[in-house]
């Protein structure tokens, strides 16, 4: 990869730190959509996944929503997830800045010929994460166990931080925000953080049902990232934090991530086809 292309890749990734689309919650009551300056509409990744979930999952969700306390439980789960995500975001963003400053002072950057991204030595990243952890605000009590699980995983597995909470969009009509583009154990990975109240002993069928859309979500983020930066991510990682104990880790190999991309595009196609049929029937 030429020096020009390397700089272009790094600059393109840096550009994803700022959301370039405008959120529009008024024109479409069916869910979250975004518009670019030309007026092109993009539907959120999570909206597409929700609308195209398997029928049995949608029915199970509907039954859960009909419970008397479902609204309260849903709000608590959302707040718990937000708190845990915010904690991980603070650690990663703070560590990225500290690592960049230290690498600049030492002229310690290296550039990978495979992806064109700049990296400080992993020891600098480890030091920066320790500093970030020491200065991190305490999460709310209700989210403390989940946040602790994410923190320990980040501390033990992240060796470079390229982007945190970066935005993507794609000509297929979707947009979203991914939690991180990180080196995990030395491998460039698109990473998504989740929380669950499910125990570590949850049966395999329930676990697989929960992970089904999560894998496809990573596929959507990977597609958007490649479209905007040219980066071909070789690995996906889903980190699902629990109230107690270590998080559940799901790693998608390069082949599995490519399959997740194809599966997500198929869901996008079904989503817009259903939306078109619905519009015609009005």
Protein backbone atom coordinates (compact mmCIF):
# COMPACT_ATOMS: atom_id res chain seq x y z
CA UNK A 1 0.00 0.00 0.00
CA UNK A 2 1.45 3.41 -0.97
CA UNK A 3 2.03 6.19 1.56
CA UNK A 4 -0.75 8.19 -0.10
CA UNK A 5 -3.22 5.34 0.26
CA UNK A 6 -2.16 4.80 3.86
CA UNK A 7 -2.83 8.42 4.72
CA UNK A 8 -6.14 8.26 2.88
CA UNK A 9 -7.28 5.24 4.87
CA UNK A 10 -6.34 6.83 8.18
CA UNK A 11 -8.04 10.11 7.27
CA UNK A 12 -11.18 8.32 6.06
CA UNK A 13 -11.42 6.44 9.36
CA UNK A 14 -10.89 9.65 11.35
CA UNK A 15 -13.79 11.18 9.41
CA UNK A 16 -16.16 8.56 10.82
CA UNK A 17 -15.78 9.96 14.33
CA UNK A 18 -18.28 12.67 13.43
CA UNK A 19 -21.81 11.72 12.43
CA UNK A 20 -22.32 13.09 8.92
CA UNK A 21 -26.03 12.30 8.62
CA UNK A 22 -28.98 14.15 10.10
CA UNK A 23 -31.38 12.13 12.22
CA UNK A 24 -35.03 12.43 11.19
CA UNK A 25 -37.56 11.14 13.72
CA UNK A 26 -40.58 13.03 12.38
CA UNK A 27 -41.08 12.04 8.76
CA UNK A 28 -41.17 8.30 9.41
CA UNK A 29 -42.95 7.12 12.59
CA UNK A 30 -41.89 3.53 11.91
CA UNK A 31 -38.41 4.00 13.36
CA UNK A 32 -35.11 5.79 13.16
CA UNK A 33 -33.97 7.16 9.79
CA UNK A 34 -31.18 9.49 8.69
CA UNK A 35 -30.64 11.84 5.76
CA UNK A 36 -27.52 13.13 4.08
CA UNK A 37 -27.14 16.61 2.60
CA UNK A 38 -28.54 15.40 -0.72
CA UNK A 39 -31.70 14.15 0.99
CA UNK A 40 -30.88 10.44 0.62
CA UNK A 41 -32.59 8.41 3.36
CA UNK A 42 -30.82 5.71 5.36
CA UNK A 43 -32.60 3.40 7.79
CA UNK A 44 -30.88 2.39 11.01
CA UNK A 45 -29.17 -0.98 11.23
CA UNK A 46 -31.06 -1.85 14.41
CA UNK A 47 -34.41 -0.93 12.85
CA UNK A 48 -33.75 -3.23 9.91
CA UNK A 49 -32.72 -6.08 12.19
CA UNK A 50 -35.79 -5.66 14.38
CA UNK A 51 -38.18 -5.62 11.40
CA UNK A 52 -36.61 -8.70 9.81
CA UNK A 53 -36.17 -10.82 12.94
CA UNK A 54 -37.49 -14.40 12.74
CA UNK A 55 -41.25 -14.55 13.36
CA UNK A 56 -40.93 -16.57 16.58
CA UNK A 57 -38.59 -13.94 18.02
CA UNK A 58 -40.99 -11.13 17.11
CA UNK A 59 -43.88 -13.01 18.74
CA UNK A 60 -41.82 -13.65 21.87
CA UNK A 61 -40.95 -9.95 22.05
CA UNK A 62 -44.59 -9.00 21.64
CA UNK A 63 -45.60 -11.32 24.48
CA UNK A 64 -42.89 -9.80 26.66
CA UNK A 65 -44.06 -6.26 25.83
CA UNK A 66 -47.60 -7.18 26.85
CA UNK A 67 -46.46 -7.95 30.41
CA UNK A 68 -47.64 -5.40 33.02
CA UNK A 69 -44.10 -4.36 34.01
CA UNK A 70 -42.54 -4.56 30.55
CA UNK A 71 -42.22 -0.80 30.05
CA UNK A 72 -40.37 -0.39 33.34
CA UNK A 73 -38.13 -3.39 32.68
CA UNK A 74 -37.36 -2.17 29.18
CA UNK A 75 -36.40 1.28 30.46
CA UNK A 76 -34.16 -0.27 33.13
CA UNK A 77 -32.46 -2.53 30.58
CA UNK A 78 -31.88 0.40 28.24
CA UNK A 79 -30.39 2.51 31.03
CA UNK A 80 -28.20 -0.37 32.16
CA UNK A 81 -26.92 -0.88 28.63
CA UNK A 82 -26.31 2.84 28.13
CA UNK A 83 -24.34 3.13 31.37
CA UNK A 84 -22.16 0.13 30.55
CA UNK A 85 -21.56 1.39 26.99
CA UNK A 86 -20.69 4.86 28.25
CA UNK A 87 -18.13 3.39 30.62
CA UNK A 88 -16.45 1.38 27.85
CA UNK A 89 -16.57 4.40 25.53
CA UNK A 90 -14.89 6.62 28.13
CA UNK A 91 -12.08 4.11 28.67
CA UNK A 92 -11.41 3.59 24.98
CA UNK A 93 -11.59 7.25 23.94
CA UNK A 94 -9.42 8.37 26.84
CA UNK A 95 -6.87 5.62 26.23
CA UNK A 96 -6.77 6.38 22.49
CA UNK A 97 -5.86 10.01 23.19
CA UNK A 98 -3.24 9.10 25.80
CA UNK A 99 -1.69 6.46 23.54
CA UNK A 100 -1.59 8.86 20.58
CA UNK A 101 0.12 11.56 22.63
CA UNK A 102 2.71 9.11 23.95
CA UNK A 103 3.38 7.62 20.52
CA UNK A 104 3.78 11.09 19.00
CA UNK A 105 6.36 12.10 21.62
CA UNK A 106 8.35 8.93 20.99
CA UNK A 107 7.78 8.79 17.20
CA UNK A 108 6.69 5.25 17.95
CA UNK A 109 4.00 4.72 15.31
CA UNK A 110 4.03 1.78 12.93
CA UNK A 111 1.83 1.32 9.86
CA UNK A 112 0.44 -2.05 8.84
CA UNK A 113 0.80 -2.83 5.12
CA UNK A 114 -2.39 -4.93 5.27
CA UNK A 115 -4.84 -2.24 6.39
CA UNK A 116 -2.93 1.06 6.23
CA UNK A 117 -3.67 1.93 9.86
CA UNK A 118 -1.22 3.52 12.30
CA UNK A 119 -0.54 1.73 15.58
CA UNK A 120 1.42 2.59 18.70
CA UNK A 121 3.29 -0.26 20.43
CA UNK A 122 0.90 -2.48 22.37
CA UNK A 123 2.75 -1.58 25.58
CA UNK A 124 1.75 2.05 25.12
CA UNK A 125 -1.89 1.05 24.62
CA UNK A 126 -1.77 -1.09 27.76
CA UNK A 127 -0.31 1.83 29.74
CA UNK A 128 -2.94 4.21 28.34
CA UNK A 129 -5.77 1.84 29.28
CA UNK A 130 -4.47 1.61 32.84
CA UNK A 131 -4.41 5.39 33.10
CA UNK A 132 -7.93 5.63 31.66
CA UNK A 133 -9.22 3.02 34.12
CA UNK A 134 -7.71 4.89 37.06
CA UNK A 135 -9.47 8.12 36.07
CA UNK A 136 -12.80 6.68 34.93
CA UNK A 137 -16.00 7.85 36.66
CA UNK A 138 -17.88 5.13 38.50
CA UNK A 139 -20.92 3.83 36.62
CA UNK A 140 -24.30 3.70 38.34
CA UNK A 141 -24.75 0.81 40.77
CA UNK A 142 -27.30 -0.93 38.53
CA UNK A 143 -24.75 -1.11 35.71
CA UNK A 144 -21.58 -1.61 37.75
CA UNK A 145 -21.31 -5.37 37.19
CA UNK A 146 -21.82 -5.05 33.44
CA UNK A 147 -19.36 -2.15 33.19
CA UNK A 148 -16.79 -4.07 35.23
CA UNK A 149 -17.02 -7.02 32.86
CA UNK A 150 -16.47 -4.81 29.81
CA UNK A 151 -13.61 -3.00 31.55
CA UNK A 152 -11.77 -6.22 32.41
CA UNK A 153 -12.21 -7.53 28.89
CA UNK A 154 -10.92 -4.30 27.33
CA UNK A 155 -7.95 -4.24 29.70
CA UNK A 156 -6.99 -7.83 28.91
CA UNK A 157 -7.62 -8.00 25.17
CA UNK A 158 -7.38 -4.65 23.37
CA UNK A 159 -3.92 -3.97 21.92
CA UNK A 160 -4.72 -0.94 19.72
CA UNK A 161 -7.63 1.52 19.50
CA UNK A 162 -8.43 2.83 16.02
CA UNK A 163 -11.97 4.22 16.34
CA UNK A 164 -14.62 4.40 19.06
CA UNK A 165 -18.35 4.93 18.40
CA UNK A 166 -17.77 5.47 14.69
CA UNK A 167 -20.59 6.07 12.23
CA UNK A 168 -21.23 4.23 8.98
CA UNK A 169 -23.69 4.36 6.10
CA UNK A 170 -24.02 2.37 2.90
CA UNK A 171 -25.63 2.77 -0.55
CA UNK A 172 -27.87 -0.21 0.23
CA UNK A 173 -29.80 2.21 2.43
CA UNK A 174 -28.64 1.63 5.99
CA UNK A 175 -26.69 3.58 8.59
CA UNK A 176 -25.54 3.02 12.14
CA UNK A 177 -22.93 3.53 14.80
CA UNK A 178 -20.43 0.81 15.79
CA UNK A 179 -18.83 0.56 19.21
CA UNK A 180 -15.24 0.11 18.14
CA UNK A 181 -12.60 -0.73 15.58
CA UNK A 182 -9.94 -2.29 17.79
CA UNK A 183 -7.03 -4.68 17.65
CA UNK A 184 -8.17 -7.63 19.75
CA UNK A 185 -5.30 -9.95 20.57
CA UNK A 186 -3.39 -8.31 17.73
CA UNK A 187 -6.13 -8.75 15.09
CA UNK A 188 -8.09 -5.82 13.63
CA UNK A 189 -11.70 -6.32 14.72
CA UNK A 190 -15.05 -4.58 14.52
CA UNK A 191 -16.39 -4.84 18.06
CA UNK A 192 -19.90 -4.56 19.48
CA UNK A 193 -20.69 -4.37 23.20
CA UNK A 194 -23.91 -5.90 24.54
CA UNK A 195 -25.46 -6.58 27.93
CA UNK A 196 -27.68 -9.45 29.01
CA UNK A 197 -29.34 -10.73 32.17
CA UNK A 198 -29.04 -14.29 30.84
CA UNK A 199 -26.86 -16.54 32.97
CA UNK A 200 -23.68 -18.22 31.81
CA UNK A 201 -25.64 -21.50 31.86
CA UNK A 202 -28.28 -20.36 29.35
CA UNK A 203 -29.15 -23.19 26.97
CA UNK A 204 -27.45 -23.19 23.58
CA UNK A 205 -30.68 -22.61 21.60
CA UNK A 206 -31.49 -19.43 23.56
CA UNK A 207 -27.93 -18.21 23.23
CA UNK A 208 -27.89 -18.81 19.48
CA UNK A 209 -31.20 -16.98 19.05
CA UNK A 210 -29.77 -14.00 20.92
CA UNK A 211 -26.58 -13.95 18.84
CA UNK A 212 -28.29 -14.43 15.47
CA UNK A 213 -28.96 -10.75 14.79
CA UNK A 214 -25.85 -9.59 16.65
CA UNK A 215 -23.68 -11.36 14.06
CA UNK A 216 -25.61 -9.76 11.21
CA UNK A 217 -25.28 -6.37 12.92
CA UNK A 218 -21.49 -6.72 12.80
CA UNK A 219 -21.83 -7.62 9.13
CA UNK A 220 -23.66 -4.35 8.50
CA UNK A 221 -20.99 -2.33 10.30
CA UNK A 222 -18.23 -4.11 8.39
CA UNK A 223 -19.95 -3.36 5.07
CA UNK A 224 -20.34 0.32 5.92
CA UNK A 225 -16.75 0.58 7.09
CA UNK A 226 -15.43 -0.95 3.86
CA UNK A 227 -17.61 1.33 1.75
CA UNK A 228 -16.36 4.48 3.49
CA UNK A 229 -12.70 3.63 4.14
CA UNK A 230 -11.74 0.59 2.07
CA UNK A 231 -10.82 -1.31 5.23
CA UNK A 232 -11.55 -5.03 4.97
CA UNK A 233 -11.93 -6.10 8.61
CA UNK A 234 -10.68 -9.67 9.20
CA UNK A 235 -12.55 -10.31 12.46
CA UNK A 236 -15.70 -9.46 14.38
CA UNK A 237 -16.11 -9.66 18.16
CA UNK A 238 -19.31 -9.51 20.20
CA UNK A 239 -18.67 -8.84 23.89
CA UNK A 240 -21.81 -9.56 25.93
CA UNK A 241 -21.49 -8.36 29.53
CA UNK A 242 -23.39 -9.97 32.40
CA UNK A 243 -24.30 -8.64 35.83
CA UNK A 244 -21.63 -10.87 37.37
CA UNK A 245 -18.69 -12.78 36.00
CA UNK A 246 -16.76 -12.53 32.76
CA UNK A 247 -18.48 -11.41 29.56
CA UNK A 248 -19.56 -13.89 26.91
CA UNK A 249 -17.25 -13.54 23.90
CA UNK A 250 -18.29 -14.43 20.37
CA UNK A 251 -15.58 -14.18 17.70
CA UNK A 252 -16.40 -14.14 14.00
CA UNK A 253 -13.58 -15.24 11.74
CA UNK A 254 -13.03 -13.45 8.44
CA UNK A 255 -15.12 -16.06 6.60
CA UNK A 256 -17.90 -15.83 9.20
CA UNK A 257 -17.88 -12.03 9.02
CA UNK A 258 -18.24 -12.13 5.23
CA UNK A 259 -21.20 -14.51 5.64
CA UNK A 260 -22.69 -12.10 8.20
CA UNK A 261 -22.36 -9.28 5.63
CA UNK A 262 -24.25 -11.34 3.05
CA UNK A 263 -26.94 -12.24 5.59
CA UNK A 264 -27.37 -8.61 6.58
CA UNK A 265 -27.70 -7.47 2.94
CA UNK A 266 -30.36 -10.14 2.45
CA UNK A 267 -32.25 -8.73 5.44
CA UNK A 268 -31.90 -5.20 4.04
CA UNK A 269 -33.41 -6.39 0.77
CA UNK A 270 -36.33 -8.05 2.59
CA UNK A 271 -36.84 -4.97 4.73
CA UNK A 272 -37.14 -2.56 1.81
CA UNK A 273 -39.25 -5.01 -0.17
CA UNK A 274 -41.72 -5.26 2.72
CA UNK A 275 -41.69 -1.48 3.12
CA UNK A 276 -42.43 -1.06 -0.59
CA UNK A 277 -45.35 -3.51 -0.42
CA UNK A 278 -46.71 -1.70 2.65
CA UNK A 279 -46.49 1.66 0.90
CA UNK A 280 -48.29 0.29 -2.17
CA UNK A 281 -51.16 -1.06 -0.04
CA UNK A 282 -51.86 2.30 1.61
